Amino acid sequence: MEFGAQVSCYRTSWDNIKAIVDRLEAGRWGSVWFADHYIPPPGRPEEEHLNAFEGMALIAAVAGFTEKLRLGHLVLGNTYRNPALVAKMAGTIDQISHGRFCLSIGAAWFKREHEAYGWDFPSMKERQDRLEEACKLIRELIHADGPVTHEGEYYKLDNALLAPGSFGDPIPIMVGGTGEKRTLRTLARYGDVFNLDGWAGGPMTAEYLNYKWSVVERHCENTGRDPAEIRKTILIPALLSDDKAAVDAFMQGRRLGAGSAAGSKNYIIDRVGEIIDAGVDEIMFGGILSDQPDEFVRFEEEVIAAFD
């Protein structure tokens, strides 16, 4: 079982991010994940002046001073960058990290960012169409032995080569989101990693995970894909605290669904055990107090160590 940490990259400093990653690298953690936002969500006007580190530049920097942690985003917004550029960045980061990068991408949702930076914010249908085409294009570039030409509705390539490409095995693609008609179908066609995102508000239970996975399996059957090729992961919002008021504030302030891992050590260990029994390959924890690097050490020693 692998455990990862989602580390905040907004309302913070580089020194604080690095201090957290140093602790993850030295501990039992297997991966580190960042968001991809240009304004701290949910977009309060009084917070727009606060730091929001650019996701790809940040993870390239982290790749340069780590050796074991796998690296990724939860998740990149497709509308922020041309997908061929994303593939090019991914190849560079995978080389820097010696094969530790996962390319995670979703349709994007944060309208205010698009307004602020002058990017188009299409309809949900068009964003889903763009995401599907982007994933197809990125997969073609990653897996091709030579130049790629692509004539799509939104993106075009003319004899484009991904060099450098993957360091070793092909860079895995995580498709963010769990929409049953479109997103999970895109995952079945072009993705390598499934992620159930607890920040989206669904219940973080084994039953809910298994239901969503059954949708993936159905799409795999329809597209001729073996679902065993896709890693199953889950992002669980987590707060390690015996203070009921703090736990209630954490849950209510973020509108989290049932099953988020917020509470005492024993409660979180029990919740994690249920998810492990459901057959996931990796659990990522988000929401750990990112302004306090030693909280990640405490979480590791009190929760993750229970699964050694």
Protein backbone atom coordinates (compact mmCIF):
# COMPACT_ATOMS: atom_id res chain seq x y z
CA MET A 1 0.00 0.00 0.00
CA GLU A 2 1.28 3.44 -0.97
CA PHE A 3 0.49 6.64 0.90
CA GLY A 4 0.76 10.13 -0.53
CA ALA A 5 0.28 13.67 0.75
CA GLN A 6 -1.41 16.56 -0.99
CA VAL A 7 0.54 19.69 -0.02
CA SER A 8 -0.98 23.14 -0.41
CA CYS A 9 0.73 25.42 -2.90
CA TYR A 10 -1.30 28.53 -2.15
CA ARG A 11 -1.50 30.84 0.87
CA THR A 12 2.01 29.61 1.68
CA SER A 13 5.70 30.14 0.89
CA TRP A 14 8.33 28.18 -1.02
CA ASP A 15 10.31 27.66 2.17
CA ASN A 16 7.28 26.10 3.85
CA ILE A 17 6.54 23.85 0.86
CA LYS A 18 10.15 22.67 0.80
CA ALA A 19 10.15 22.01 4.56
CA ILE A 20 7.11 19.77 4.17
CA VAL A 21 8.51 17.90 1.17
CA ASP A 22 11.79 17.33 3.02
CA ARG A 23 9.84 15.63 5.80
CA LEU A 24 7.86 13.52 3.33
CA GLU A 25 11.04 12.46 1.56
CA ALA A 26 12.62 11.39 4.86
CA GLY A 27 9.58 9.44 6.03
CA ARG A 28 7.23 6.66 4.97
CA TRP A 29 5.41 8.71 2.37
CA GLY A 30 5.50 7.47 -1.21
CA SER A 31 4.27 10.50 -3.14
CA VAL A 32 3.57 14.22 -3.02
CA TRP A 33 0.77 15.98 -4.90
CA PHE A 34 -0.02 19.62 -5.57
CA ALA A 35 -3.05 21.49 -6.85
CA ASP A 36 -3.01 23.60 -10.01
CA HIS A 37 -4.53 27.01 -9.37
CA TYR A 38 -3.52 30.56 -10.20
CA ILE A 39 -5.76 32.14 -7.55
CA PRO A 40 -6.33 30.49 -4.16
CA PRO A 41 -9.72 28.75 -4.34
CA PRO A 42 -12.57 29.23 -3.77
CA GLY A 43 -11.78 32.71 -5.10
CA ARG A 44 -12.49 35.18 -2.32
CA PRO A 45 -11.63 38.70 -3.57
CA GLU A 46 -9.72 39.51 -0.40
CA GLU A 47 -7.42 36.50 -0.99
CA GLU A 48 -6.51 37.03 -4.63
CA HIS A 49 -3.25 38.76 -3.67
CA LEU A 50 -2.02 35.67 -1.79
CA ASN A 51 0.54 33.26 -3.24
CA ALA A 52 -0.55 30.56 -5.67
CA PHE A 53 2.50 28.74 -7.04
CA GLU A 54 2.36 27.64 -10.68
CA GLY A 55 1.93 23.88 -10.67
CA MET A 56 4.37 22.66 -13.31
CA ALA A 57 7.22 24.96 -12.31
CA LEU A 58 6.71 23.96 -8.68
CA ILE A 59 6.83 20.24 -9.32
CA ALA A 60 9.93 20.58 -11.50
CA ALA A 61 11.64 22.30 -8.58
CA VAL A 62 10.53 19.54 -6.20
CA ALA A 63 11.78 16.89 -8.64
CA GLY A 64 15.22 18.46 -8.46
CA PHE A 65 15.77 18.00 -4.73
CA THR A 66 13.95 14.71 -4.08
CA GLU A 67 14.97 11.16 -4.92
CA LYS A 68 12.19 8.77 -3.88
CA LEU A 69 8.84 10.58 -3.84
CA ARG A 70 6.58 10.09 -6.83
CA LEU A 71 5.23 13.43 -8.05
CA GLY A 72 1.94 14.65 -9.45
CA HIS A 73 -0.93 17.10 -9.38
CA LEU A 74 -4.51 16.72 -8.24
CA VAL A 75 -5.06 17.83 -10.95
CA LEU A 76 -3.82 20.05 -13.81
CA GLY A 77 -6.50 22.17 -15.48
CA ASN A 78 -6.58 21.39 -19.20
CA THR A 79 -7.76 24.87 -20.19
CA TYR A 80 -4.67 26.55 -18.69
CA ARG A 81 -2.13 25.12 -21.14
CA ASN A 82 -1.92 23.61 -24.59
CA PRO A 83 -1.87 19.82 -24.04
CA ALA A 84 1.16 19.34 -26.29
CA LEU A 85 3.01 21.80 -24.06
CA VAL A 86 1.85 19.80 -21.04
CA ALA A 87 3.28 16.63 -22.59
CA LYS A 88 6.56 18.44 -23.30
CA MET A 89 6.75 19.67 -19.70
CA ALA A 90 5.92 16.18 -18.46
CA GLY A 91 8.77 14.65 -20.43
CA THR A 92 11.21 17.16 -18.97
CA ILE A 93 9.97 16.62 -15.41
CA ASP A 94 10.09 12.85 -15.82
CA GLN A 95 13.73 13.11 -16.88
CA ILE A 96 14.61 15.38 -13.94
CA SER A 97 12.89 13.00 -11.52
CA HIS A 98 14.19 9.80 -13.16
CA GLY A 99 10.71 8.47 -13.90
CA ARG A 100 8.73 9.62 -10.86
CA PHE A 101 6.17 11.89 -12.54
CA CYS A 102 2.44 11.18 -13.03
CA LEU A 103 0.64 13.47 -15.46
CA SER A 104 -2.74 14.22 -13.89
CA ILE A 105 -5.25 16.33 -15.81
CA GLY A 106 -8.89 17.38 -15.57
CA ALA A 107 -11.36 19.60 -17.40
CA ALA A 108 -10.85 22.65 -15.08
CA TRP A 109 -13.62 24.29 -13.07
CA PHE A 110 -12.45 27.59 -11.56
CA LYS A 111 -14.10 30.29 -13.66
CA ARG A 112 -12.55 33.24 -11.81
CA GLU A 113 -9.02 32.14 -12.77
CA HIS A 114 -9.97 32.20 -16.42
CA GLU A 115 -11.47 35.68 -16.08
CA ALA A 116 -8.43 37.00 -14.23
CA TYR A 117 -5.85 35.68 -16.70
CA GLY A 118 -7.78 36.13 -19.92
CA TRP A 119 -8.40 32.47 -20.73
CA ASP A 120 -11.56 31.20 -22.38
CA PHE A 121 -13.90 29.29 -20.07
CA PRO A 122 -16.04 27.15 -22.38
CA SER A 123 -19.20 25.27 -21.49
CA MET A 124 -18.89 22.09 -19.47
CA LYS A 125 -19.57 20.05 -22.60
CA GLU A 126 -16.77 21.77 -24.51
CA ARG A 127 -14.38 21.43 -21.57
CA GLN A 128 -15.14 17.70 -21.49
CA ASP A 129 -14.64 17.48 -25.25
CA ARG A 130 -11.33 19.30 -24.93
CA LEU A 131 -10.22 17.08 -22.04
CA GLU A 132 -10.94 13.92 -24.01
CA GLU A 133 -9.03 15.16 -27.05
CA ALA A 134 -6.18 16.41 -24.86
CA CYS A 135 -5.82 13.03 -23.17
CA LYS A 136 -5.80 11.29 -26.54
CA LEU A 137 -3.13 13.68 -27.87
CA ILE A 138 -0.97 13.43 -24.74
CA ARG A 139 -1.14 9.64 -24.77
CA GLU A 140 -0.15 9.57 -28.43
CA LEU A 141 2.90 11.72 -27.71
CA ILE A 142 3.96 9.71 -24.66
CA HIS A 143 3.61 6.31 -26.30
CA ALA A 144 4.75 7.11 -29.85
CA ASP A 145 8.09 5.87 -31.17
CA GLY A 146 8.40 8.86 -33.47
CA PRO A 147 6.76 12.14 -34.51
CA VAL A 148 3.00 12.53 -34.07
CA THR A 149 0.52 14.28 -36.33
CA HIS A 150 -2.88 15.05 -34.85
CA GLU A 151 -5.83 16.74 -36.55
CA GLY A 152 -8.50 17.28 -33.93
CA GLU A 153 -11.34 19.67 -33.33
CA TYR A 154 -9.38 21.74 -30.82
CA TYR A 155 -5.72 20.74 -31.09
CA LYS A 156 -3.31 20.07 -33.95
CA LEU A 157 0.16 18.54 -34.20
CA ASP A 158 2.35 18.48 -37.29
CA ASN A 159 5.10 15.89 -36.98
CA ALA A 160 5.65 16.71 -33.29
CA LEU A 161 8.16 14.66 -31.32
CA LEU A 162 8.29 14.29 -27.54
CA ALA A 163 12.00 14.52 -26.80
CA PRO A 164 12.88 14.08 -24.07
CA GLY A 165 10.05 11.72 -23.34
CA SER A 166 9.52 9.25 -20.53
CA PHE A 167 12.62 8.38 -18.50
CA GLY A 168 11.71 4.69 -18.34
CA ASP A 169 8.18 3.33 -18.38
CA PRO A 170 5.67 5.57 -20.18
CA ILE A 171 4.54 8.50 -18.04
CA PRO A 172 1.20 7.47 -16.48
CA ILE A 173 -1.86 9.64 -17.09
CA MET A 174 -4.39 10.29 -14.34
CA VAL A 175 -7.74 11.61 -15.58
CA GLY A 176 -9.26 13.78 -12.86
CA GLY A 177 -12.96 13.61 -12.05
CA THR A 178 -15.56 10.88 -11.67
CA GLY A 179 -18.33 11.93 -14.05
CA GLU A 180 -19.84 8.65 -15.15
CA LYS A 181 -20.75 9.39 -18.76
CA ARG A 182 -17.73 11.32 -20.01
CA THR A 183 -14.83 11.55 -17.57
CA LEU A 184 -14.63 7.90 -16.60
CA ARG A 185 -15.01 6.93 -20.25
CA THR A 186 -12.04 9.17 -21.07
CA LEU A 187 -10.11 7.46 -18.29
CA ALA A 188 -10.94 4.02 -19.68
CA ARG A 189 -9.77 5.06 -23.14
CA TYR A 190 -6.64 7.06 -22.38
CA GLY A 191 -5.82 7.00 -18.67
CA ASP A 192 -3.68 4.87 -16.39
CA VAL A 193 -4.76 6.11 -12.95
CA PHE A 194 -8.23 6.49 -11.42
CA ASN A 195 -8.66 8.88 -8.50
CA LEU A 196 -11.70 9.34 -6.29
CA ASP A 197 -11.46 12.92 -5.02
CA GLY A 198 -12.79 13.53 -1.52
CA TRP A 199 -12.79 17.29 -2.02
CA ALA A 200 -15.56 16.84 -4.58
CA GLY A 201 -17.98 16.07 -1.77
CA GLY A 202 -18.89 12.43 -2.35
CA PRO A 203 -18.82 9.93 0.50
CA MET A 204 -15.35 8.50 1.04
CA THR A 205 -16.62 5.00 1.68
CA ALA A 206 -15.68 1.60 0.29
CA GLU A 207 -19.18 1.28 -1.17
CA TYR A 208 -18.92 4.54 -3.08
CA LEU A 209 -15.43 3.68 -4.31
CA ASN A 210 -16.57 0.28 -5.53
CA TYR A 211 -19.57 1.80 -7.30
CA LYS A 212 -17.44 4.32 -9.19
CA TRP A 213 -14.94 1.61 -10.05
CA SER A 214 -17.74 -0.52 -11.49
CA VAL A 215 -18.45 2.34 -13.90
CA VAL A 216 -14.79 2.34 -14.95
CA GLU A 217 -14.96 -1.41 -15.51
CA ARG A 218 -18.03 -1.01 -17.71
CA HIS A 219 -16.33 1.62 -19.85
CA CYS A 220 -13.23 -0.58 -20.08
CA GLU A 221 -15.35 -3.45 -21.33
CA ASN A 222 -16.95 -1.20 -23.96
CA THR A 223 -13.57 0.08 -25.16
CA GLY A 224 -11.70 -3.24 -25.01
CA ARG A 225 -9.45 -2.15 -22.15
CA ASP A 226 -8.30 -4.38 -19.29
CA PRO A 227 -9.24 -2.51 -16.07
CA ALA A 228 -6.28 -4.18 -14.36
CA GLU A 229 -4.08 -1.75 -16.33
CA ILE A 230 -5.53 1.18 -14.35
CA ARG A 231 -4.29 2.01 -10.84
CA LYS A 232 -7.00 2.72 -8.28
CA THR A 233 -6.32 5.68 -5.97
CA ILE A 234 -8.30 7.84 -3.57
CA LEU A 235 -7.77 11.32 -2.13
CA ILE A 236 -9.16 11.62 1.39
CA PRO A 237 -9.41 14.94 3.24
CA ALA A 238 -7.81 14.34 6.63
CA LEU A 239 -7.45 16.06 9.97
CA LEU A 240 -5.80 14.27 12.89
CA SER A 241 -7.43 15.74 15.99
CA ASP A 242 -9.26 14.69 19.15
CA ASP A 243 -10.99 18.08 19.25
CA LYS A 244 -14.59 17.53 18.10
CA ALA A 245 -15.14 21.23 17.47
CA ALA A 246 -12.07 21.38 15.22
CA VAL A 247 -13.21 18.29 13.33
CA ASP A 248 -16.74 19.68 12.87
CA ALA A 249 -15.34 22.98 11.60
CA PHE A 250 -13.05 21.12 9.17
CA MET A 251 -15.93 19.07 7.77
CA GLN A 252 -18.54 21.81 7.61
CA GLY A 253 -16.23 24.53 6.34
CA ARG A 254 -15.28 22.39 3.36
CA ARG A 255 -18.67 20.71 2.84
CA LEU A 256 -17.08 17.30 2.98
CA GLY A 257 -18.97 14.06 2.52
CA ALA A 258 -19.25 11.20 4.95
CA GLY A 259 -16.15 9.12 5.42
CA SER A 260 -13.52 11.84 5.26
CA ALA A 261 -10.68 10.91 7.60
CA ALA A 262 -11.12 13.64 10.19
CA GLY A 263 -10.94 12.68 13.84
CA SER A 264 -8.87 10.70 16.30
CA LYS A 265 -5.96 8.44 15.41
CA ASN A 266 -8.02 5.28 15.89
CA TYR A 267 -10.89 6.64 13.81
CA ILE A 268 -8.60 7.49 10.90
CA ILE A 269 -6.81 4.13 11.12
CA ASP A 270 -10.18 2.35 10.94
CA ARG A 271 -11.26 4.45 7.96
CA VAL A 272 -7.99 3.78 6.14
CA GLY A 273 -8.33 0.06 6.83
CA GLU A 274 -11.76 0.02 5.20
CA ILE A 275 -10.42 1.70 2.08
CA ILE A 276 -7.44 -0.64 1.89
CA ASP A 277 -9.81 -3.62 2.13
CA ALA A 278 -11.68 -2.21 -0.87
CA GLY A 279 -8.59 -2.82 -2.98
CA VAL A 280 -7.03 0.58 -3.67
CA ASP A 281 -3.41 0.91 -4.73
CA GLU A 282 -2.74 4.27 -3.09
CA ILE A 283 -4.34 6.66 -0.61
CA MET A 284 -3.53 10.36 -0.75
CA PHE A 285 -4.32 12.53 2.26
CA GLY A 286 -5.26 16.17 1.78
CA GLY A 287 -6.04 18.92 4.25
CA ILE A 288 -3.24 18.11 6.68
CA LEU A 289 -2.20 21.41 8.25
CA SER A 290 0.10 22.61 5.48
CA ASP A 291 1.35 25.59 7.44
CA GLN A 292 2.81 23.21 10.02
CA PRO A 293 5.38 20.85 8.43
CA ASP A 294 5.70 18.70 11.54
CA GLU A 295 1.99 17.79 11.28
CA PHE A 296 2.95 15.56 8.35
CA VAL A 297 5.46 13.78 10.59
CA ARG A 298 2.86 13.36 13.32
CA PHE A 299 0.32 11.99 10.84
CA GLU A 300 2.91 9.56 9.51
CA GLU A 301 3.95 8.34 12.97
CA GLU A 302 0.41 7.98 14.32
CA VAL A 303 -1.50 6.77 11.25
CA ILE A 304 0.71 5.53 8.41
CA ALA A 305 3.04 3.63 10.73
CA ALA A 306 0.07 1.48 11.73
CA PHE A 307 0.19 -0.08 8.25
CA ASP A 308 3.89 -0.97 8.15
